[in-house]
Amino acid sequence: MKNFVCDFGFSSAKWIFGNRKGRVISVYQDRSDGETLIGEDALDNPGGVAYIRTPQHLVKYYPLFLEKCLDEAGVHDEVKVGVGLPVQFYEEQVRAKEGAIAVLGRTLLSKRVKDVLILPQGIGGIRSYLIDAGRNKAGLVLGIDIGFNTIIYTLYDPQRSKVVFTDTLYKRGISQLAANYLMPKIADFTSGLSMTPVELSRLMEQGYITVGTDRHDLIPEIRTASQEYINNILAEIMEDVKANISITRPLETIVFFGGGATHLKGKICSDTVDVIVLPQPEYANARGFLSFLEG
């Protein structure tokens, strides 16, 4: 069987199949006829959309988004699938007999999906880095996965192949950056407009806003807001993890990935540790998951 990865998060479901990849935006619309529209199909349909907000939402809608990703990838034959959940939620659920891990192990199976491997988001990005560029790392690696509604940070010991410390911050990431740091800077352009957090995330990706016939470049404001946000959030994270860093196990590398990391290139540097933003950071977890499937 071929391998297929679907890394479903609060902004989008990223998929990798062979040498192709894509994503489905994490919005949906439950229609009165019982059908659920996913991604762009939901956005294009009148009546408004809902967006994924909690880990429980992820579990409930994972099968529908996985099927949508399989369709978009053109998968017809049987596949083995790797999927991810936020690492702290994953660790809580893996110990529960009827938790999210057990539920997904059943609900994700279908005519096309014959085997499922459920993995912790955050670890996937670190795995991707270690395989591609960090093979010789001896010191601790801090992976910071900046998503749409979460920031997952994981302190990892490559020598022991062990997670030293991990935590998940909810209602952070791009949604917080956009709402608390960017919106005040672009209020003159957005006053009176109603935008969901997912639409704000897309606004940051495109770098401009169109109001009527006028198009306004937002790149300067996005860059300033991103710099302010990462300075504050990195200080908070380092305060939390420093108790787990010892003289004999120094921090050697900080690796940023996740969709939010696209806004951080060139904004972070250090004289004491290597600071890296992974290439195509929104697919870093998915690339790591694929390496687990491939053994």
Protein backbone atom coordinates (compact mmCIF):
# COMPACT_ATOMS: atom_id res chain seq x y z
CA MET A 1 0.00 0.00 0.00
CA LYS A 2 1.04 3.56 -0.65
CA ASN A 3 1.36 6.07 2.17
CA PHE A 4 -0.83 9.13 2.61
CA VAL A 5 -0.46 11.86 5.24
CA CYS A 6 -3.23 14.15 6.46
CA ASP A 7 -2.16 16.66 9.11
CA PHE A 8 -5.44 18.30 10.19
CA GLY A 9 -5.19 21.51 12.22
CA PHE A 10 -7.20 24.59 13.11
CA SER A 11 -6.35 26.45 9.89
CA SER A 12 -6.15 23.66 7.32
CA ALA A 13 -5.64 19.98 6.64
CA LYS A 14 -2.30 19.47 4.89
CA TRP A 15 -1.86 16.34 2.80
CA ILE A 16 1.10 14.66 1.13
CA PHE A 17 0.80 11.85 -1.38
CA GLY A 18 3.87 10.79 -3.32
CA ASN A 19 5.52 13.92 -4.67
CA ARG A 20 2.33 15.98 -4.43
CA LYS A 21 0.86 17.99 -1.59
CA GLY A 22 -2.04 20.31 -0.89
CA ARG A 23 -4.31 21.62 1.80
CA VAL A 24 -7.98 22.03 2.63
CA ILE A 25 -9.00 25.05 4.70
CA SER A 26 -10.49 24.07 8.10
CA VAL A 27 -14.00 25.45 7.65
CA TYR A 28 -17.21 23.52 7.22
CA GLN A 29 -20.96 23.97 6.81
CA ASP A 30 -23.51 21.47 8.13
CA ARG A 31 -26.46 21.76 5.77
CA SER A 32 -30.09 21.05 6.60
CA ASP A 33 -30.12 18.10 4.18
CA GLY A 34 -27.52 16.34 6.33
CA GLU A 35 -24.59 16.97 4.01
CA THR A 36 -21.46 18.67 5.34
CA LEU A 37 -19.52 20.94 3.01
CA ILE A 38 -15.77 21.12 3.60
CA GLY A 39 -13.14 23.76 2.81
CA GLU A 40 -13.64 25.90 -0.30
CA ASP A 41 -16.97 24.20 -0.98
CA ALA A 42 -18.23 25.56 2.34
CA LEU A 43 -16.77 29.04 1.74
CA ASP A 44 -18.38 29.25 -1.70
CA ASN A 45 -21.83 28.25 -0.42
CA PRO A 46 -24.19 30.94 0.96
CA GLY A 47 -25.08 30.80 4.62
CA GLY A 48 -21.76 31.20 6.40
CA VAL A 49 -19.26 28.68 7.72
CA ALA A 50 -18.02 27.32 11.03
CA TYR A 51 -14.36 26.73 11.75
CA ILE A 52 -12.50 24.13 13.80
CA ARG A 53 -11.85 25.47 17.32
CA THR A 54 -11.09 22.58 19.72
CA PRO A 55 -9.34 19.18 19.69
CA GLN A 56 -12.77 17.59 20.06
CA HIS A 57 -13.78 19.35 16.83
CA LEU A 58 -10.70 17.89 15.15
CA VAL A 59 -11.67 14.37 16.17
CA LYS A 60 -15.31 14.79 15.09
CA TYR A 61 -14.56 16.18 11.64
CA TYR A 62 -11.28 14.34 10.90
CA PRO A 63 -12.97 11.59 8.82
CA LEU A 64 -14.71 14.14 6.57
CA PHE A 65 -11.57 16.22 6.05
CA LEU A 66 -9.48 13.11 5.42
CA GLU A 67 -11.92 11.96 2.74
CA LYS A 68 -11.83 15.44 1.18
CA CYS A 69 -8.02 15.36 1.11
CA LEU A 70 -8.03 11.88 -0.43
CA ASP A 71 -10.39 13.13 -3.13
CA GLU A 72 -8.25 16.18 -3.88
CA ALA A 73 -5.13 14.01 -4.09
CA GLY A 74 -6.86 11.67 -6.52
CA VAL A 75 -6.44 8.59 -4.32
CA HIS A 76 -8.41 5.60 -5.62
CA ASP A 77 -6.54 2.59 -4.24
CA GLU A 78 -6.02 1.43 -0.67
CA VAL A 79 -3.57 3.48 1.41
CA LYS A 80 -1.95 3.56 4.82
CA VAL A 81 -2.64 6.93 6.46
CA GLY A 82 -0.71 9.00 9.00
CA VAL A 83 -2.60 11.72 10.88
CA GLY A 84 -1.74 14.06 13.73
CA LEU A 85 -3.19 15.56 16.90
CA PRO A 86 -1.79 18.33 19.16
CA VAL A 87 0.91 16.63 21.22
CA GLN A 88 -0.46 17.41 24.70
CA PHE A 89 -3.95 16.27 23.69
CA TYR A 90 -2.39 13.21 22.06
CA GLU A 91 -0.55 12.26 25.26
CA GLU A 92 -3.73 12.67 27.31
CA GLN A 93 -5.80 10.60 24.91
CA VAL A 94 -3.33 7.80 24.26
CA ARG A 95 -3.80 6.70 27.88
CA ALA A 96 -7.60 6.63 27.62
CA LYS A 97 -9.23 3.36 26.55
CA GLU A 98 -11.99 5.12 24.61
CA GLY A 99 -10.19 8.38 23.94
CA ALA A 100 -9.51 10.22 20.70
CA ILE A 101 -6.78 7.79 19.60
CA ALA A 102 -9.11 4.81 19.80
CA VAL A 103 -11.95 6.73 18.17
CA LEU A 104 -9.85 7.89 15.21
CA GLY A 105 -8.43 4.40 14.82
CA ARG A 106 -11.97 3.29 13.96
CA THR A 107 -13.62 6.29 12.31
CA LEU A 108 -10.83 7.00 9.82
CA LEU A 109 -10.98 3.53 8.27
CA SER A 110 -12.83 3.34 4.96
CA LYS A 111 -12.78 1.65 1.56
CA ARG A 112 -9.57 3.50 0.76
CA VAL A 113 -8.02 3.76 4.25
CA LYS A 114 -6.94 0.33 5.47
CA ASP A 115 -4.48 1.29 8.20
CA VAL A 116 -4.06 4.41 10.37
CA LEU A 117 -1.07 5.70 12.32
CA ILE A 118 -1.91 8.53 14.73
CA LEU A 119 1.02 10.76 15.67
CA PRO A 120 1.67 13.85 17.85
CA GLN A 121 1.87 17.18 16.05
CA GLY A 122 5.02 19.03 17.03
CA ILE A 123 7.12 15.86 16.98
CA GLY A 124 6.59 15.60 13.23
CA GLY A 125 8.33 18.90 12.56
CA ILE A 126 11.29 18.00 14.76
CA ARG A 127 11.57 14.63 13.01
CA SER A 128 11.52 16.40 9.64
CA TYR A 129 14.37 18.69 10.73
CA LEU A 130 16.52 15.91 12.21
CA ILE A 131 16.21 13.77 9.08
CA ASP A 132 16.90 16.59 6.62
CA ALA A 133 19.49 18.78 8.34
CA GLY A 134 20.01 17.91 11.99
CA ARG A 135 21.48 14.42 11.88
CA ASN A 136 24.57 15.38 13.89
CA LYS A 137 22.85 17.42 16.59
CA ALA A 138 23.93 16.47 20.11
CA GLY A 139 22.31 19.19 22.21
CA LEU A 140 18.62 19.70 22.88
CA VAL A 141 16.31 20.83 20.08
CA LEU A 142 13.34 23.09 20.84
CA GLY A 143 10.63 22.71 18.23
CA ILE A 144 8.04 25.49 18.12
CA ASP A 145 5.02 24.65 16.00
CA ILE A 146 3.06 27.86 15.36
CA GLY A 147 -0.36 26.95 14.10
CA PHE A 148 -3.58 28.83 13.61
CA ASN A 149 -5.07 28.38 17.09
CA THR A 150 -2.20 26.69 18.95
CA ILE A 151 1.48 26.93 19.67
CA ILE A 152 3.06 23.57 20.44
CA TYR A 153 6.56 23.66 21.86
CA THR A 154 8.58 20.54 22.42
CA LEU A 155 12.02 20.15 23.95
CA TYR A 156 13.63 17.08 22.39
CA ASP A 157 16.81 15.17 23.14
CA PRO A 158 18.15 13.68 19.84
CA GLN A 159 20.80 11.60 21.62
CA ARG A 160 18.16 9.74 23.61
CA SER A 161 15.31 10.04 21.07
CA LYS A 162 13.20 11.38 23.90
CA VAL A 163 10.79 14.24 24.56
CA VAL A 164 12.10 16.17 27.56
CA PHE A 165 9.19 18.59 27.87
CA THR A 166 6.20 19.64 25.81
CA ASP A 167 3.19 21.90 26.13
CA THR A 168 0.37 23.20 23.96
CA LEU A 169 -0.92 26.76 24.19
CA TYR A 170 -4.46 27.11 22.92
CA LYS A 171 -5.99 30.29 21.46
CA ARG A 172 -2.50 31.37 20.40
CA GLY A 173 -0.65 31.33 17.10
CA ILE A 174 -1.92 33.09 13.99
CA SER A 175 -5.37 33.81 15.45
CA GLN A 176 -3.81 35.70 18.38
CA LEU A 177 -1.25 37.43 16.17
CA ALA A 178 -3.96 38.62 13.80
CA ALA A 179 -6.49 39.69 16.44
CA ASN A 180 -4.19 41.32 19.02
CA TYR A 181 -1.22 42.56 17.01
CA LEU A 182 -2.28 43.03 13.39
CA MET A 183 -5.88 44.24 13.59
CA PRO A 184 -5.09 47.39 15.62
CA LYS A 185 -2.56 48.35 12.92
CA ILE A 186 -5.00 47.96 10.02
CA ALA A 187 -8.17 49.25 11.68
CA ASP A 188 -8.43 52.07 9.12
CA PHE A 189 -8.84 49.49 6.35
CA THR A 190 -11.00 46.92 8.17
CA SER A 191 -13.41 49.10 10.17
CA GLY A 192 -16.95 47.86 9.58
CA LEU A 193 -15.83 44.59 7.98
CA SER A 194 -16.75 41.27 9.57
CA MET A 195 -14.03 38.63 9.26
CA THR A 196 -13.69 35.20 10.85
CA PRO A 197 -10.31 34.17 12.29
CA VAL A 198 -9.78 31.87 9.31
CA GLU A 199 -10.38 34.78 6.93
CA LEU A 200 -7.87 36.86 8.90
CA SER A 201 -5.31 34.10 8.47
CA ARG A 202 -5.91 34.12 4.72
CA LEU A 203 -5.58 37.91 4.74
CA MET A 204 -2.10 37.54 6.24
CA GLU A 205 -1.16 35.00 3.58
CA GLN A 206 -2.18 37.20 0.66
CA GLY A 207 -0.66 40.36 2.17
CA TYR A 208 -3.31 42.82 1.06
CA ILE A 209 -6.96 43.71 1.54
CA THR A 210 -9.45 44.91 -1.06
CA VAL A 211 -12.12 47.34 0.11
CA GLY A 212 -14.49 48.28 -2.68
CA THR A 213 -12.24 49.12 -5.63
CA ASP A 214 -9.25 49.98 -3.45
CA ARG A 215 -6.44 47.51 -2.73
CA HIS A 216 -4.28 48.16 0.34
CA ASP A 217 -0.83 46.62 0.84
CA LEU A 218 -0.58 45.18 4.38
CA ILE A 219 2.93 43.72 4.20
CA PRO A 220 4.57 46.43 6.40
CA GLU A 221 1.92 46.02 9.10
CA ILE A 222 2.12 42.22 8.94
CA ARG A 223 5.90 42.30 9.33
CA THR A 224 5.76 44.65 12.31
CA ALA A 225 2.99 42.69 14.02
CA SER A 226 4.85 39.40 13.47
CA GLN A 227 8.06 40.78 14.99
CA GLU A 228 6.24 42.06 18.07
CA TYR A 229 4.36 38.80 18.51
CA ILE A 230 7.32 36.47 18.22
CA ASN A 231 9.38 38.56 20.65
CA ASN A 232 6.66 38.24 23.27
CA ILE A 233 5.76 34.60 22.72
CA LEU A 234 9.36 33.39 22.54
CA ALA A 235 10.14 35.05 25.88
CA GLU A 236 7.13 33.26 27.39
CA ILE A 237 8.13 29.88 25.97
CA MET A 238 11.78 30.16 27.06
CA GLU A 239 10.69 31.04 30.58
CA ASP A 240 8.68 27.83 30.62
CA VAL A 241 11.31 25.45 29.19
CA LYS A 242 14.50 26.75 30.81
CA ALA A 243 13.96 24.64 33.93
CA ASN A 244 14.40 21.55 31.72
CA ILE A 245 17.72 22.68 30.22
CA SER A 246 20.83 21.67 32.13
CA ILE A 247 24.57 22.34 31.81
CA THR A 248 25.13 18.81 30.55
CA ARG A 249 22.26 19.05 28.05
CA PRO A 250 22.41 22.55 26.55
CA LEU A 251 19.90 23.91 24.08
CA GLU A 252 21.57 23.79 20.67
CA THR A 253 18.79 24.52 18.19
CA ILE A 254 15.40 26.24 18.00
CA VAL A 255 13.31 25.07 15.07
CA PHE A 256 10.19 26.95 13.96
CA PHE A 257 7.54 25.36 11.78
CA GLY A 258 3.79 25.36 11.23
CA GLY A 259 1.84 27.80 9.08
CA GLY A 260 2.64 30.72 11.38
CA ALA A 261 6.37 30.27 10.88
CA THR A 262 6.08 31.64 7.35
CA HIS A 263 5.84 35.12 8.90
CA LEU A 264 9.03 34.71 10.97
CA LYS A 265 11.76 34.38 8.34
CA GLY A 266 14.55 36.84 9.05
CA LYS A 267 12.97 38.02 12.30
CA ILE A 268 14.79 35.79 14.80
CA CYS A 269 18.50 35.43 15.48
CA SER A 270 20.71 34.35 18.37
CA ASP A 271 24.42 34.35 19.21
CA THR A 272 24.16 31.22 21.35
CA VAL A 273 21.88 28.77 19.52
CA ASP A 274 20.97 27.96 15.93
CA VAL A 275 17.57 29.40 15.00
CA ILE A 276 15.95 27.80 11.97
CA VAL A 277 12.66 28.29 10.14
CA LEU A 278 12.02 25.07 8.23
CA PRO A 279 11.36 25.27 4.47
CA GLN A 280 7.64 25.12 3.63
CA PRO A 281 7.00 25.14 7.39
CA GLU A 282 3.26 24.45 7.11
CA TYR A 283 4.11 20.95 5.77
CA ALA A 284 6.86 20.14 8.30
CA ASN A 285 4.67 17.96 10.53
CA ALA A 286 3.30 16.13 7.49
CA ARG A 287 6.83 15.46 6.17
CA GLY A 288 7.80 14.06 9.55
CA PHE A 289 4.69 11.88 9.68
CA LEU A 290 5.51 10.51 6.24
CA SER A 291 8.96 9.44 7.47
CA PHE A 292 7.28 7.51 10.31
CA LEU A 293 5.06 5.71 7.79
CA GLU A 294 8.06 4.88 5.63
CA GLY A 295 9.92 3.47 8.64
